[in-house]
Amino acid sequence: MRMSATTRARTGSGLATAAARRRPKVPRETSRAVPQRPLGLGALRAFAAVARHLNFRAAAEELHLTQPAVSRQIKGLEDDLGAPLFVRGTRKVELTGAGTALLHVVAPFLERLDGTVRQLRSRERRAPVAVTTFASFASLWLLPRLASFQQAHPDIDIRISAADALVELDDPEIDLALRYCHPDDAPAGSSQLFGEVMTPVASPALLARERLKSPADLVRHTLLEEDDHRPSAAFLSWHHWLRERAPPRLAPRGWIYLNFTYQQIQAALAGQGVALARIALVGELLERGDLVEPFGPAGRIVSPFAYWLVRWPARRERAALAAFEQWLLREAEGTQAQLGSIGGAGRIVERGRGAS
């Protein structure tokens, strides 16, 4: 009997379905879950040591571990990554491609980590001293001398806060201050470092271009003036000096007004004019010949203001602070010697300790 085409198709479909049911089912391959936990630092250090030496025994000695312990750490790291990191031969160990890629990341990471830890440990063992002073004093007097203290006391860190605004005496972050004020305004217990003497200064290059033998010659020069409105400015001003030392109604060729003393000195060094300088702050520049006193001692005038070491009332006394104070006072003696006996400007006194 013949079957129609439709019957044959249905019969064939049924046979195929039955055959499919009889075939054993093949389970699908499931993908392995990627580990999400972070890598342990100990395993990374073991990996870096083996990669550095290409030797498990040498790495174990460096890490003060047994060789089996290092091998277990590397095996665990490879299991976590799902890739071998080393090719282990009979006589040698080599990095795989995965190991090389990991080393490029791990080596600088461990170096930065260890460097930061060293800094933190060192900082905890060191003894910082915090100083506040005004910017020109820091730039012209304190910083040029600080290297000698650091050489003598490499274990003491100095933190300098340079600002012209006065810091309140109850600031807990400060150990001492270096201030410039009238003796009547110096806090009790302060030590005067040295007094103030003013003198005209100029660069040798400027003096070679334009004569400056007497105060009358200032008519040919530009004067560098500190633009300051504090009480001390009356004695730091060219107008005060001209009244004391120059012919009446002398008018210079021009003026340059500057905010800070160190700007004045930089302009003088550059040959831009004649500055009225504080000898205490430019003593070394005068000794080296970078600046010149055109009128010599005859051009000097004394100010009643002075430089003071101010001790913070609530500070914590310690050996590092005492060492820094002693160094400051010794350095101040050198500046006193430079000022000499000019109107008593170099003498040292203390406020509130029987000094007059």
Protein backbone atom coordinates (compact mmCIF):
# COMPACT_ATOMS: atom_id res chain seq x y z
CA MET A 1 0.00 0.00 0.00
CA ARG A 2 1.31 3.40 -0.89
CA MET A 3 1.51 6.29 1.63
CA SER A 4 0.82 9.82 0.67
CA ALA A 5 3.54 12.44 0.96
CA THR A 6 1.84 13.96 4.01
CA THR A 7 1.68 10.57 5.71
CA ARG A 8 5.39 9.90 5.00
CA ALA A 9 6.36 13.29 6.42
CA ARG A 10 4.42 12.75 9.63
CA THR A 11 5.78 9.23 10.00
CA GLY A 12 9.36 10.42 9.46
CA SER A 13 8.89 13.23 11.96
CA GLY A 14 7.58 10.78 14.51
CA LEU A 15 10.53 8.41 13.98
CA ALA A 16 12.98 11.29 14.37
CA THR A 17 11.34 12.40 17.60
CA ALA A 18 11.48 8.88 18.99
CA ALA A 19 15.14 8.53 18.01
CA ALA A 20 15.91 11.81 19.72
CA ARG A 21 14.24 10.59 22.89
CA ARG A 22 16.31 7.39 22.80
CA ARG A 23 19.69 9.22 22.42
CA PRO A 24 21.45 9.90 25.72
CA LYS A 25 21.46 13.57 26.74
CA VAL A 26 24.89 15.26 26.76
CA PRO A 27 25.16 17.74 29.67
CA ARG A 28 26.09 21.31 28.71
CA GLU A 29 29.52 22.54 29.85
CA THR A 30 29.02 25.11 32.57
CA SER A 31 31.50 28.10 32.73
CA ARG A 32 33.61 28.37 35.90
CA ALA A 33 32.83 31.29 38.19
CA VAL A 34 35.59 33.91 38.25
CA PRO A 35 36.88 34.44 41.83
CA GLN A 36 36.01 37.90 43.15
CA ARG A 37 37.96 37.99 46.39
CA PRO A 38 41.00 40.34 46.50
CA LEU A 39 44.50 38.93 46.28
CA GLY A 40 46.40 38.60 49.54
CA LEU A 41 49.36 40.90 50.12
CA GLY A 42 51.48 38.03 51.42
CA ALA A 43 50.99 36.07 48.21
CA LEU A 44 51.88 39.13 46.12
CA ARG A 45 55.08 39.64 48.14
CA ALA A 46 55.98 35.97 47.66
CA PHE A 47 55.32 36.31 43.91
CA ALA A 48 57.48 39.46 43.67
CA ALA A 49 60.34 37.77 45.56
CA VAL A 50 60.28 34.66 43.36
CA ALA A 51 60.06 36.84 40.23
CA ARG A 52 63.03 38.90 41.43
CA HIS A 53 65.25 35.91 42.20
CA LEU A 54 63.71 33.36 39.80
CA ASN A 55 64.41 30.94 42.60
CA PHE A 56 62.01 29.65 45.25
CA ARG A 57 64.70 28.97 47.82
CA ALA A 58 66.22 32.46 47.56
CA ALA A 59 62.75 34.02 47.78
CA ALA A 60 62.01 32.00 50.91
CA GLU A 61 65.24 33.19 52.54
CA GLU A 62 64.41 36.81 51.73
CA LEU A 63 60.92 36.49 53.20
CA HIS A 64 62.09 34.43 56.21
CA LEU A 65 59.72 31.62 55.20
CA THR A 66 60.17 27.98 54.29
CA GLN A 67 60.35 27.04 50.63
CA PRO A 68 57.15 24.92 50.84
CA ALA A 69 55.32 27.91 52.35
CA VAL A 70 56.36 30.11 49.41
CA SER A 71 55.34 27.38 46.95
CA ARG A 72 51.90 27.14 48.57
CA GLN A 73 51.43 30.91 48.34
CA ILE A 74 52.35 30.92 44.64
CA LYS A 75 50.05 27.93 43.96
CA GLY A 76 47.18 29.67 45.74
CA LEU A 77 47.81 32.86 43.76
CA GLU A 78 47.82 30.92 40.48
CA ASP A 79 44.55 29.22 41.46
CA ASP A 80 42.98 32.60 42.24
CA LEU A 81 44.12 34.02 38.90
CA GLY A 82 43.38 30.90 36.90
CA ALA A 83 46.73 31.07 35.12
CA PRO A 84 50.27 29.81 35.80
CA LEU A 85 52.75 32.50 36.76
CA PHE A 86 55.99 30.52 36.50
CA VAL A 87 57.40 27.76 34.34
CA ARG A 88 59.11 25.48 36.85
CA GLY A 89 62.06 23.65 35.39
CA THR A 90 64.60 21.30 36.97
CA ARG A 91 67.32 23.90 37.10
CA LYS A 92 65.54 27.21 36.55
CA VAL A 93 62.30 29.12 37.02
CA GLU A 94 60.91 31.47 34.39
CA LEU A 95 57.99 33.90 34.31
CA THR A 96 55.07 33.11 32.06
CA GLY A 97 53.30 35.79 30.06
CA ALA A 98 50.74 36.15 32.84
CA GLY A 99 53.52 36.39 35.41
CA THR A 100 55.28 39.14 33.46
CA ALA A 101 52.05 41.12 33.17
CA LEU A 102 51.36 40.78 36.89
CA LEU A 103 54.92 41.77 37.83
CA HIS A 104 54.61 45.05 35.90
CA VAL A 105 51.77 46.02 38.24
CA VAL A 106 52.87 44.42 41.51
CA ALA A 107 56.51 45.65 41.61
CA PRO A 108 55.78 49.42 41.52
CA PHE A 109 52.77 48.94 43.81
CA LEU A 110 54.88 47.25 46.50
CA GLU A 111 57.62 49.87 46.09
CA ARG A 112 55.15 52.73 46.64
CA LEU A 113 53.53 50.92 49.56
CA ASP A 114 56.85 50.24 51.29
CA GLY A 115 58.01 53.82 50.67
CA THR A 116 54.86 55.24 52.25
CA VAL A 117 55.21 52.92 55.25
CA ARG A 118 58.84 54.01 55.73
CA GLN A 119 57.80 57.67 55.67
CA LEU A 120 55.03 57.12 58.19
CA ARG A 121 57.26 55.16 60.54
CA SER A 122 60.01 57.77 60.21
CA ARG A 123 57.56 60.60 60.84
CA GLU A 124 56.37 58.97 64.05
CA ARG A 125 59.94 58.62 65.30
CA ARG A 126 60.99 62.18 64.35
CA ALA A 127 60.48 65.27 66.46
CA PRO A 128 59.01 68.20 64.48
CA VAL A 129 59.32 71.83 65.58
CA ALA A 130 56.73 74.29 64.23
CA VAL A 131 57.78 77.92 63.71
CA THR A 132 55.79 80.90 62.53
CA THR A 133 57.45 84.05 61.20
CA PHE A 134 56.97 86.71 58.57
CA ALA A 135 57.85 85.91 54.97
CA SER A 136 60.82 88.24 54.53
CA PHE A 137 62.53 87.01 57.70
CA ALA A 138 62.05 83.41 56.61
CA SER A 139 63.43 84.09 53.11
CA LEU A 140 66.36 86.35 54.00
CA TRP A 141 67.50 85.21 57.46
CA LEU A 142 66.10 81.87 58.59
CA LEU A 143 66.16 79.66 55.48
CA PRO A 144 69.75 80.52 54.40
CA ARG A 145 70.96 79.36 57.83
CA LEU A 146 68.72 76.33 58.32
CA ALA A 147 71.08 73.86 56.60
CA SER A 148 73.51 74.08 59.52
CA PHE A 149 70.78 73.05 61.97
CA GLN A 150 69.69 70.16 59.76
CA GLN A 151 73.26 68.90 59.53
CA ALA A 152 73.64 68.99 63.31
CA HIS A 153 70.15 67.55 63.98
CA PRO A 154 69.10 65.30 61.06
CA ASP A 155 66.41 63.68 63.23
CA ILE A 156 64.48 66.94 63.80
CA ASP A 157 62.02 68.26 61.22
CA ILE A 158 61.26 71.97 61.01
CA ARG A 159 57.87 73.23 59.84
CA ILE A 160 57.92 76.92 58.90
CA SER A 161 54.71 78.87 58.50
CA ALA A 162 55.65 82.13 56.78
CA ALA A 163 52.94 84.78 56.84
CA ASP A 164 52.86 88.48 57.66
CA ALA A 165 49.64 88.07 59.64
CA LEU A 166 50.37 87.42 63.32
CA VAL A 167 49.32 84.03 64.67
CA GLU A 168 47.45 83.95 67.97
CA LEU A 169 49.49 82.76 70.93
CA ASP A 170 47.01 79.99 71.70
CA ASP A 171 47.51 78.18 68.37
CA PRO A 172 48.23 74.56 69.44
CA GLU A 173 50.08 73.78 66.20
CA ILE A 174 52.89 76.30 66.86
CA ASP A 175 55.92 75.92 69.15
CA LEU A 176 57.48 79.36 68.79
CA ALA A 177 57.38 82.54 66.71
CA LEU A 178 60.00 84.87 65.26
CA ARG A 179 58.45 88.33 65.33
CA TYR A 180 59.35 91.92 64.58
CA CYS A 181 57.95 94.48 66.98
CA HIS A 182 58.65 97.28 69.44
CA PRO A 183 60.01 96.09 72.81
CA ASP A 184 56.86 97.35 74.51
CA ASP A 185 54.80 94.95 72.38
CA ALA A 186 56.93 91.84 72.85
CA PRO A 187 55.10 89.16 74.90
CA ALA A 188 56.47 88.33 78.35
CA GLY A 189 59.20 85.70 78.26
CA SER A 190 60.31 86.62 74.73
CA SER A 191 64.01 86.86 73.88
CA GLN A 192 65.27 89.66 71.67
CA LEU A 193 67.36 88.16 68.90
CA PHE A 194 68.84 91.45 67.62
CA GLY A 195 67.91 95.03 66.92
CA GLU A 196 67.33 96.88 63.68
CA VAL A 197 69.73 99.01 61.65
CA MET A 198 68.80 100.41 58.23
CA THR A 199 71.21 101.32 55.43
CA PRO A 200 70.97 102.13 51.69
CA VAL A 201 72.21 99.27 49.47
CA ALA A 202 72.64 98.79 45.74
CA SER A 203 74.14 96.26 43.36
CA PRO A 204 77.73 96.77 42.17
CA ALA A 205 76.43 96.81 38.58
CA LEU A 206 74.11 99.74 39.32
CA LEU A 207 76.87 101.69 41.06
CA ALA A 208 79.14 101.10 38.09
CA ARG A 209 76.54 102.68 35.78
CA GLU A 210 75.56 105.64 37.95
CA ARG A 211 77.60 107.51 40.57
CA LEU A 212 76.42 107.31 44.18
CA LYS A 213 79.01 108.85 46.44
CA SER A 214 76.82 111.01 48.65
CA PRO A 215 73.10 111.24 49.52
CA ALA A 216 72.78 114.15 47.09
CA ASP A 217 73.50 111.67 44.24
CA LEU A 218 70.19 109.92 44.94
CA VAL A 219 68.56 112.42 42.59
CA ARG A 220 69.94 110.25 39.76
CA HIS A 221 68.52 107.00 41.14
CA THR A 222 65.23 105.13 41.58
CA LEU A 223 64.42 104.29 45.20
CA LEU A 224 62.90 100.91 46.11
CA GLU A 225 60.32 101.57 48.81
CA GLU A 226 58.48 99.06 51.01
CA ASP A 227 54.78 99.88 50.77
CA ASP A 228 53.81 99.17 54.38
CA HIS A 229 51.36 100.94 56.67
CA ARG A 230 52.26 99.32 59.99
CA PRO A 231 53.81 101.44 62.79
CA SER A 232 57.29 100.08 62.09
CA ALA A 233 57.09 101.40 58.51
CA ALA A 234 57.83 104.92 59.73
CA PHE A 235 61.40 103.79 60.47
CA LEU A 236 61.74 101.52 57.42
CA SER A 237 60.73 104.23 54.95
CA TRP A 238 63.01 106.13 52.62
CA HIS A 239 61.17 109.30 53.66
CA HIS A 240 62.44 108.87 57.21
CA TRP A 241 66.00 108.21 56.00
CA LEU A 242 65.97 111.19 53.61
CA ARG A 243 64.89 113.49 56.44
CA GLU A 244 67.74 112.17 58.61
CA ARG A 245 70.59 111.95 56.10
CA ALA A 246 69.84 113.71 52.78
CA PRO A 247 69.80 117.38 51.76
CA PRO A 248 66.43 119.10 52.30
CA ARG A 249 63.72 118.53 49.68
CA LEU A 250 65.82 115.97 47.76
CA ALA A 251 63.68 114.23 45.11
CA PRO A 252 64.92 110.94 43.59
CA ARG A 253 64.58 110.20 39.89
CA GLY A 254 61.72 107.75 40.60
CA TRP A 255 60.10 105.29 42.98
CA ILE A 256 59.24 101.58 42.89
CA TYR A 257 56.82 100.50 45.63
CA LEU A 258 56.91 96.87 46.78
CA ASN A 259 54.87 94.92 49.33
CA PHE A 260 57.59 92.87 51.00
CA THR A 261 61.17 93.37 52.14
CA TYR A 262 62.47 90.39 50.17
CA GLN A 263 60.97 91.90 47.00
CA GLN A 264 62.89 95.08 47.72
CA ILE A 265 66.12 93.14 48.05
CA GLN A 266 65.50 91.11 44.89
CA ALA A 267 64.92 94.34 42.95
CA ALA A 268 68.15 95.81 44.37
CA LEU A 269 70.11 92.68 43.39
CA ALA A 270 68.69 93.03 39.88
CA GLY A 271 70.00 96.61 39.66
CA GLN A 272 66.54 98.18 39.47
CA GLY A 273 67.21 100.78 42.15
CA VAL A 274 68.55 101.57 45.61
CA ALA A 275 66.90 99.84 48.58
CA LEU A 276 66.80 100.90 52.20
CA ALA A 277 67.76 97.53 53.66
CA ARG A 278 67.71 95.92 57.08
CA ILE A 279 71.32 94.99 57.81
CA ALA A 280 70.20 92.04 59.92
CA LEU A 281 68.57 90.50 56.82
CA VAL A 282 71.20 91.37 54.19
CA GLY A 283 74.38 90.90 56.21
CA GLU A 284 75.56 87.91 54.16
CA LEU A 285 74.75 89.65 50.86
CA LEU A 286 76.91 92.57 51.99
CA GLU A 287 79.74 90.25 53.07
CA ARG A 288 79.71 88.47 49.70
CA GLY A 289 79.62 91.76 47.79
CA ASP A 290 76.27 91.00 46.13
CA LEU A 291 75.09 94.30 47.59
CA VAL A 292 77.09 97.37 48.58
CA GLU A 293 76.58 100.13 51.16
CA PRO A 294 77.39 103.19 49.05
CA PHE A 295 77.58 105.50 52.08
CA GLY A 296 79.16 103.01 54.49
CA PRO A 297 78.50 103.36 58.26
CA ALA A 298 77.58 107.02 57.77
CA GLY A 299 74.42 105.94 55.97
CA ARG A 300 73.10 103.72 58.77
CA ILE A 301 70.20 104.62 61.05
CA VAL A 302 68.83 102.73 64.04
CA SER A 303 65.18 101.71 64.49
CA PRO A 304 63.61 101.15 67.93
CA PHE A 305 61.99 97.94 66.61
CA ALA A 306 63.68 94.55 67.01
CA TYR A 307 63.45 90.84 66.20
CA TRP A 308 62.14 88.53 68.90
CA LEU A 309 61.90 84.84 69.71
CA VAL A 310 58.43 84.36 71.19
CA ARG A 311 57.76 81.21 73.22
CA TRP A 312 54.24 79.78 73.00
CA PRO A 313 52.62 79.68 76.49
CA ALA A 314 50.98 76.27 75.98
CA ARG A 315 53.80 74.56 74.11
CA ARG A 316 55.13 71.17 75.16
CA GLU A 317 58.76 71.41 76.24
CA ARG A 318 60.98 68.75 74.67
CA ALA A 319 64.59 68.21 73.65
CA ALA A 320 64.02 68.98 69.94
CA LEU A 321 62.49 72.36 70.73
CA ALA A 322 65.27 73.23 73.16
CA ALA A 323 67.89 72.32 70.54
CA PHE A 324 66.24 74.55 67.95
CA GLU A 325 65.98 77.49 70.36
CA GLN A 326 69.65 77.17 71.32
CA TRP A 327 70.60 77.10 67.64
CA LEU A 328 68.49 80.21 66.94
CA LEU A 329 70.15 82.13 69.77
CA ARG A 330 73.64 81.14 68.55
CA GLU A 331 72.80 82.27 65.01
CA ALA A 332 71.41 85.51 66.42
CA GLU A 333 74.75 86.15 68.13
CA GLY A 334 76.39 86.18 64.71
CA THR A 335 73.94 88.80 63.49
CA GLN A 336 74.51 90.82 66.67
CA ALA A 337 78.22 90.81 65.89
CA GLN A 338 77.48 92.14 62.39
CA LEU A 339 75.39 94.94 63.83
CA GLY A 340 78.08 95.62 66.42
CA SER A 341 77.44 98.39 68.88
CA ILE A 342 75.51 100.61 66.47
CA GLY A 343 73.23 102.43 68.88
CA GLY A 344 72.88 99.28 70.97
CA ALA A 345 71.03 97.58 68.13
CA GLY A 346 72.85 94.30 68.56
CA ARG A 347 72.30 93.70 72.26
CA ILE A 348 70.04 90.87 73.40
CA VAL A 349 67.44 91.31 76.12
CA GLU A 350 64.49 89.32 77.44
CA ARG A 351 61.00 90.53 78.23
CA GLY A 352 59.67 89.80 81.69
CA ARG A 353 62.95 88.33 82.95
CA GLY A 354 64.61 91.29 84.60
CA ALA A 355 65.90 92.84 81.42
CA SER A 356 65.72 96.57 80.86
